[in-house]
């Protein structure tokens, strides 16, 4: 059996903060459709994250945080992001068409 490292409470809190502060910089949830910064990755739909899981994560910190977001959401722990959502006024919403 693989030796799985369980993060400490501080490490988990730091990870959640990093995820909450990261916005999608490109694509259908990027700044072009969700101005000015894009959609927070904590609000990305599971289906969108699943697409990346199947085809490959972006490189670097963004990819790592998206992968962690995917694992958290698929573990039934999406509610951990609620304090961050509440602080910014709720879930990311699609902009109104003009």
Protein backbone atom coordinates (compact mmCIF):
# COMPACT_ATOMS: atom_id res chain seq x y z
CA UNK A 1 0.00 0.00 0.00
CA UNK A 2 1.22 3.47 -0.87
CA UNK A 3 2.26 5.72 2.02
CA UNK A 4 -0.19 8.63 1.80
CA UNK A 5 0.73 11.88 3.54
CA UNK A 6 -2.14 13.52 5.36
CA UNK A 7 -1.74 17.29 5.55
CA UNK A 8 -1.81 19.07 8.88
CA UNK A 9 -4.66 21.49 9.63
CA UNK A 10 -2.34 24.42 8.86
CA UNK A 11 -1.28 22.89 5.54
CA UNK A 12 -4.91 22.27 4.57
CA UNK A 13 -5.91 25.82 5.50
CA UNK A 14 -3.00 27.23 3.46
CA UNK A 15 -4.00 25.08 0.48
CA UNK A 16 -7.62 26.24 0.69
CA UNK A 17 -6.49 29.88 0.82
CA UNK A 18 -4.25 29.38 -2.23
CA UNK A 19 -7.12 27.76 -4.14
CA UNK A 20 -9.57 30.50 -3.11
CA UNK A 21 -7.17 33.21 -4.32
CA UNK A 22 -6.46 31.59 -7.72
CA UNK A 23 -8.59 32.61 -10.69
CA UNK A 24 -8.86 30.83 -14.02
CA UNK A 25 -6.66 32.84 -16.40
CA UNK A 26 -7.89 31.37 -19.71
CA UNK A 27 -10.61 29.42 -21.46
CA UNK A 28 -14.34 29.43 -20.92
CA UNK A 29 -13.93 30.48 -17.26
CA UNK A 30 -11.18 33.02 -17.92
CA UNK A 31 -11.27 36.84 -17.77
CA UNK A 32 -12.85 37.21 -21.22
CA UNK A 33 -16.10 35.68 -19.92
CA UNK A 34 -15.66 36.42 -16.20
CA UNK A 35 -14.10 39.88 -16.01
CA UNK A 36 -11.91 41.16 -14.58
CA UNK A 37 -9.92 38.18 -13.19
CA UNK A 38 -11.77 35.07 -14.35
CA UNK A 39 -13.72 32.59 -12.25
CA UNK A 40 -12.16 31.43 -8.95
CA UNK A 41 -10.95 27.88 -9.45
CA UNK A 42 -12.87 26.82 -6.35
CA UNK A 43 -16.07 27.62 -8.30
CA UNK A 44 -15.14 25.70 -11.45
CA UNK A 45 -17.66 22.95 -12.23
CA UNK A 46 -16.52 19.40 -11.51
CA UNK A 47 -17.13 18.51 -15.16
CA UNK A 48 -14.65 21.17 -16.27
CA UNK A 49 -12.05 19.91 -13.80
CA UNK A 50 -12.76 16.34 -14.94
CA UNK A 51 -11.97 17.40 -18.51
CA UNK A 52 -8.51 18.54 -17.38
CA UNK A 53 -8.05 15.37 -15.30
CA UNK A 54 -8.59 13.32 -18.46
CA UNK A 55 -6.51 15.47 -20.83
CA UNK A 56 -3.81 16.87 -18.55
CA UNK A 57 -3.50 19.69 -16.05
CA UNK A 58 -1.95 23.05 -16.88
CA UNK A 59 1.69 23.38 -15.91
CA UNK A 60 2.85 24.91 -12.66
CA UNK A 61 0.97 26.22 -9.66
CA UNK A 62 -2.33 26.62 -11.54
CA UNK A 63 -2.36 22.96 -12.56
CA UNK A 64 -1.45 21.79 -9.06
CA UNK A 65 -4.19 23.89 -7.45
CA UNK A 66 -6.77 22.78 -10.04
CA UNK A 67 -5.86 19.16 -9.35
CA UNK A 68 -6.23 19.69 -5.60
CA UNK A 69 -9.58 21.44 -6.19
CA UNK A 70 -10.70 18.43 -8.24
CA UNK A 71 -9.73 16.03 -5.43
CA UNK A 72 -11.46 18.14 -2.77
CA UNK A 73 -14.68 18.46 -4.78
CA UNK A 74 -14.75 14.77 -5.70
CA UNK A 75 -14.24 13.85 -2.05
CA UNK A 76 -17.48 15.62 -1.14
CA UNK A 77 -15.68 18.49 0.58
CA UNK A 78 -16.73 21.36 -1.69
CA UNK A 79 -18.32 23.03 1.36
CA UNK A 80 -14.79 23.83 2.60
CA UNK A 81 -14.78 26.64 0.03
CA UNK A 82 -18.01 28.22 1.35
CA UNK A 83 -16.37 30.72 3.73
CA UNK A 84 -14.33 32.09 0.81
CA UNK A 85 -17.39 32.20 -1.45
CA UNK A 86 -19.41 33.97 1.22
CA UNK A 87 -16.64 36.54 1.71
CA UNK A 88 -16.74 37.45 -2.00
CA UNK A 89 -20.54 37.45 -2.30
CA UNK A 90 -21.32 33.89 -3.39
CA UNK A 91 -20.57 31.59 -6.29
CA UNK A 92 -19.09 32.96 -9.47
CA UNK A 93 -21.99 33.82 -11.78
CA UNK A 94 -22.13 33.90 -15.53
CA UNK A 95 -22.08 37.49 -16.77
CA UNK A 96 -25.30 38.78 -18.27
CA UNK A 97 -25.42 38.89 -22.05
CA UNK A 98 -25.84 42.36 -23.45
